[in-house]
């Protein structure tokens, strides 16, 4: 980022938006678990989505809607960036508004549950595409950083692996691991990887070095 961009309020707002997405993504699962324990004396839920049925429902829905709104407001560097980021935003809002099904769902709850999983798949697929592809393209006025590229690639791989393992952990063959709450921790890992990506893109970490101001040479 050049010195002129450093003082551009539009660029600062853009970076702030990316950082906000990152912070909310990282903190949301921990806020849900801590709030449920400290305020409502509840235990750790089996998945992040299960906090909808606790006293932390408002925090879960609000946090997902905030992430979705930020993603929808994100203009992106080009058309594909905007399309994929908007898809992730729609997915986040859909996950918030369509709760995961309870233990014995009615027909309506079951339908909403299928919508919940579909929106979740859209959201995390789009976020993985952003990390693995879009964020690894240098934006306007930005230099290419191999270190940042490696972070994006690693986070994208972690998201894909965590979600694949989440699917496996949800199968009946993995019921013996329920006491370890593997789905919650895998979802938390995926959201943390997503958040780190956006913090790096927003230059909260691994910032570009600012050029030193030119010095005037005084005569002899």
Protein backbone atom coordinates (compact mmCIF):
# COMPACT_ATOMS: atom_id res chain seq x y z
CA UNK A 1 0.00 0.00 0.00
CA UNK A 2 1.45 3.35 -1.00
CA UNK A 3 1.78 6.38 1.24
CA UNK A 4 -1.18 8.09 -0.45
CA UNK A 5 -3.42 5.06 0.15
CA UNK A 6 -2.37 5.08 3.79
CA UNK A 7 -4.19 8.38 4.27
CA UNK A 8 -7.17 7.60 2.02
CA UNK A 9 -10.28 7.35 4.28
CA UNK A 10 -11.93 4.98 1.78
CA UNK A 11 -8.99 2.58 2.02
CA UNK A 12 -9.02 2.84 5.81
CA UNK A 13 -12.75 2.03 5.91
CA UNK A 14 -12.17 -0.90 3.57
CA UNK A 15 -9.42 -2.28 5.77
CA UNK A 16 -11.51 -1.68 8.91
CA UNK A 17 -14.36 -3.67 7.39
CA UNK A 18 -12.06 -6.60 6.69
CA UNK A 19 -10.63 -6.48 10.21
CA UNK A 20 -14.12 -6.38 11.75
CA UNK A 21 -15.07 -9.52 9.81
CA UNK A 22 -11.92 -11.24 11.07
CA UNK A 23 -12.38 -10.30 14.71
CA UNK A 24 -16.05 -11.33 14.83
CA UNK A 25 -15.29 -14.62 13.07
CA UNK A 26 -12.56 -15.55 15.55
CA UNK A 27 -14.31 -14.40 18.72
CA UNK A 28 -17.88 -15.61 18.11
CA UNK A 29 -17.51 -19.31 19.11
CA UNK A 30 -15.53 -18.41 22.25
CA UNK A 31 -18.02 -15.69 23.20
CA UNK A 32 -20.87 -18.18 22.87
CA UNK A 33 -19.16 -20.82 25.01
CA UNK A 34 -17.95 -18.35 27.66
CA UNK A 35 -21.28 -16.51 27.87
CA UNK A 36 -23.25 -19.73 28.16
CA UNK A 37 -21.00 -20.89 30.98
CA UNK A 38 -20.63 -17.63 32.89
CA UNK A 39 -24.13 -16.20 32.49
CA UNK A 40 -26.35 -19.24 32.13
CA UNK A 41 -24.22 -21.92 33.88
CA UNK A 42 -24.48 -24.06 30.75
CA UNK A 43 -22.00 -26.53 29.38
CA UNK A 44 -20.22 -26.67 26.06
CA UNK A 45 -22.65 -27.38 23.23
CA UNK A 46 -21.92 -30.03 20.62
CA UNK A 47 -21.80 -27.46 17.81
CA UNK A 48 -21.71 -23.69 17.42
CA UNK A 49 -25.20 -23.79 15.91
CA UNK A 50 -26.59 -25.54 19.01
CA UNK A 51 -26.20 -22.30 20.97
CA UNK A 52 -29.43 -21.22 19.25
CA UNK A 53 -31.23 -23.29 21.89
CA UNK A 54 -29.42 -21.63 24.81
CA UNK A 55 -29.56 -18.19 26.37
CA UNK A 56 -26.86 -17.14 23.88
CA UNK A 57 -29.26 -17.32 20.95
CA UNK A 58 -29.21 -13.55 20.41
CA UNK A 59 -25.40 -13.46 20.33
CA UNK A 60 -25.27 -16.30 17.79
CA UNK A 61 -27.88 -14.81 15.47
CA UNK A 62 -26.54 -11.28 15.90
CA UNK A 63 -22.94 -12.32 15.32
CA UNK A 64 -23.77 -14.25 12.15
CA UNK A 65 -25.90 -11.38 10.85
CA UNK A 66 -23.06 -8.93 11.52
CA UNK A 67 -20.64 -11.17 9.61
CA UNK A 68 -23.16 -11.52 6.79
CA UNK A 69 -23.77 -7.76 6.64
CA UNK A 70 -20.03 -7.03 6.56
CA UNK A 71 -19.50 -9.58 3.79
CA UNK A 72 -22.38 -8.16 1.76
CA UNK A 73 -21.00 -4.65 2.22
CA UNK A 74 -17.54 -5.75 1.06
CA UNK A 75 -17.07 -4.40 -2.46
CA UNK A 76 -14.13 -6.62 -3.36
CA UNK A 77 -11.32 -5.91 -5.79
CA UNK A 78 -13.14 -7.25 -8.87
CA UNK A 79 -16.39 -8.89 -9.99
CA UNK A 80 -15.58 -12.43 -8.85
CA UNK A 81 -14.45 -11.13 -5.48
CA UNK A 82 -17.78 -9.36 -5.01
CA UNK A 83 -19.84 -12.36 -6.16
CA UNK A 84 -18.12 -14.91 -3.94
CA UNK A 85 -18.02 -12.58 -0.93
CA UNK A 86 -21.73 -11.78 -1.36
CA UNK A 87 -22.48 -15.51 -1.55
CA UNK A 88 -20.64 -15.98 1.76
CA UNK A 89 -22.65 -13.10 3.26
CA UNK A 90 -25.97 -14.56 2.12
CA UNK A 91 -24.90 -17.92 3.55
CA UNK A 92 -24.05 -16.36 6.93
CA UNK A 93 -27.41 -14.57 7.17
CA UNK A 94 -29.19 -17.78 6.08
CA UNK A 95 -27.42 -19.79 8.79
CA UNK A 96 -28.50 -17.18 11.35
CA UNK A 97 -32.17 -17.13 10.30
CA UNK A 98 -32.58 -20.90 9.74
CA UNK A 99 -31.67 -22.67 13.00
CA UNK A 100 -30.17 -26.13 13.21
CA UNK A 101 -32.91 -28.71 13.93
CA UNK A 102 -33.54 -29.78 17.55
CA UNK A 103 -33.41 -33.40 18.69
CA UNK A 104 -37.01 -34.20 17.68
CA UNK A 105 -37.86 -31.64 14.99
CA UNK A 106 -41.28 -30.90 13.57
CA UNK A 107 -41.66 -30.80 9.79
CA UNK A 108 -41.07 -27.04 9.76
CA UNK A 109 -38.00 -27.35 11.99
CA UNK A 110 -36.64 -30.15 9.79
CA UNK A 111 -37.04 -28.02 6.64
CA UNK A 112 -35.32 -25.09 8.35
CA UNK A 113 -32.58 -27.49 9.40
CA UNK A 114 -31.94 -28.53 5.79
CA UNK A 115 -31.81 -24.83 4.86
CA UNK A 116 -29.38 -24.25 7.73
CA UNK A 117 -26.98 -26.89 6.42
CA UNK A 118 -27.33 -25.66 2.83
CA UNK A 119 -26.59 -22.04 3.80
CA UNK A 120 -23.69 -23.23 5.95
CA UNK A 121 -22.23 -25.15 3.01
CA UNK A 122 -22.55 -22.06 0.79
CA UNK A 123 -20.93 -19.83 3.41
CA UNK A 124 -17.92 -22.00 4.17
CA UNK A 125 -17.39 -23.02 0.54
CA UNK A 126 -17.33 -19.35 -0.47
CA UNK A 127 -14.99 -18.47 2.41
CA UNK A 128 -12.62 -21.29 1.41
CA UNK A 129 -12.63 -20.06 -2.21
CA UNK A 130 -11.83 -16.56 -0.97
CA UNK A 131 -8.87 -17.81 1.06
CA UNK A 132 -7.51 -20.27 -1.51
CA UNK A 133 -7.96 -18.12 -4.60
CA UNK A 134 -9.24 -14.56 -4.31
CA UNK A 135 -7.12 -13.36 -1.39
CA UNK A 136 -4.01 -14.75 -3.04
CA UNK A 137 -4.41 -12.31 -5.92
CA UNK A 138 -2.81 -8.93 -5.21
CA UNK A 139 -5.38 -6.15 -5.02
CA UNK A 140 -5.04 -2.71 -6.58
CA UNK A 141 -2.06 -0.86 -5.11
CA UNK A 142 -0.92 -3.91 -3.13
CA UNK A 143 2.27 -5.86 -3.56
CA UNK A 144 2.50 -9.61 -3.63
CA UNK A 145 3.58 -11.15 -0.34
CA UNK A 146 4.67 -14.78 -0.28
CA UNK A 147 4.16 -14.91 3.49
CA UNK A 148 0.57 -13.66 3.22
CA UNK A 149 -0.06 -16.09 0.36
CA UNK A 150 1.12 -18.96 2.54
CA UNK A 151 -1.17 -17.82 5.37
CA UNK A 152 -4.18 -17.65 3.02
CA UNK A 153 -3.36 -21.07 1.57
CA UNK A 154 -2.89 -22.63 5.01
CA UNK A 155 -6.11 -21.11 6.34
CA UNK A 156 -8.04 -22.29 3.29
CA UNK A 157 -6.72 -25.83 3.67
CA UNK A 158 -7.53 -25.77 7.40
CA UNK A 159 -11.11 -24.65 6.64
CA UNK A 160 -11.64 -27.40 4.07
CA UNK A 161 -10.09 -30.08 6.32
CA UNK A 162 -12.03 -28.94 9.41
CA UNK A 163 -15.33 -28.98 7.55
CA UNK A 164 -14.62 -32.41 6.05
CA UNK A 165 -13.82 -33.75 9.52
CA UNK A 166 -16.97 -32.08 10.86
CA UNK A 167 -19.01 -34.12 8.40
CA UNK A 168 -17.26 -37.30 9.52
CA UNK A 169 -17.69 -36.41 13.21
CA UNK A 170 -21.43 -36.00 12.62
CA UNK A 171 -21.82 -39.60 11.37
CA UNK A 172 -23.18 -42.35 13.66
CA UNK A 173 -19.80 -44.11 13.59
CA UNK A 174 -18.29 -41.19 15.51
CA UNK A 175 -20.80 -41.14 18.38
CA UNK A 176 -18.11 -42.45 20.74
CA UNK A 177 -16.36 -39.10 20.44
CA UNK A 178 -19.37 -37.00 21.42
CA UNK A 179 -17.99 -36.35 24.91
CA UNK A 180 -15.10 -34.47 23.27
CA UNK A 181 -17.47 -32.15 21.34
CA UNK A 182 -15.47 -32.59 18.10
CA UNK A 183 -18.00 -30.74 15.92
CA UNK A 184 -17.80 -27.59 18.07
CA UNK A 185 -14.00 -27.55 18.05
CA UNK A 186 -13.77 -28.27 14.33
CA UNK A 187 -16.27 -25.50 13.54
CA UNK A 188 -14.31 -23.18 15.84
CA UNK A 189 -11.10 -24.08 13.99
CA UNK A 190 -12.74 -23.31 10.63
CA UNK A 191 -14.10 -19.95 11.80
CA UNK A 192 -10.74 -19.04 13.38
CA UNK A 193 -8.97 -19.80 10.09
CA UNK A 194 -11.53 -17.67 8.27
CA UNK A 195 -11.01 -14.84 10.75
CA UNK A 196 -7.23 -14.95 10.47
CA UNK A 197 -7.51 -14.65 6.68
CA UNK A 198 -9.54 -11.48 6.98
CA UNK A 199 -7.27 -9.98 9.62
CA UNK A 200 -4.30 -10.53 7.31
CA UNK A 201 -6.20 -9.10 4.33
CA UNK A 202 -7.21 -6.13 6.46
CA UNK A 203 -3.55 -5.77 7.49
CA UNK A 204 -4.28 -6.05 11.19
CA UNK A 205 -1.34 -8.48 11.02
CA UNK A 206 1.44 -8.88 8.43
CA UNK A 207 1.04 -5.28 7.32
CA UNK A 208 2.79 -3.81 4.32
CA UNK A 209 5.85 -1.79 5.20
CA UNK A 210 5.27 1.91 4.72
CA UNK A 211 7.85 3.69 2.62
CA UNK A 212 10.14 6.03 4.53
CA UNK A 213 9.62 9.72 3.76
CA UNK A 214 12.19 11.15 1.39
CA UNK A 215 14.92 13.21 3.04
CA UNK A 216 15.98 16.51 1.65
CA UNK A 217 19.69 16.74 0.98
CA UNK A 218 21.15 19.94 2.40
CA UNK A 219 23.88 21.62 0.39
CA UNK A 220 27.46 20.84 1.41
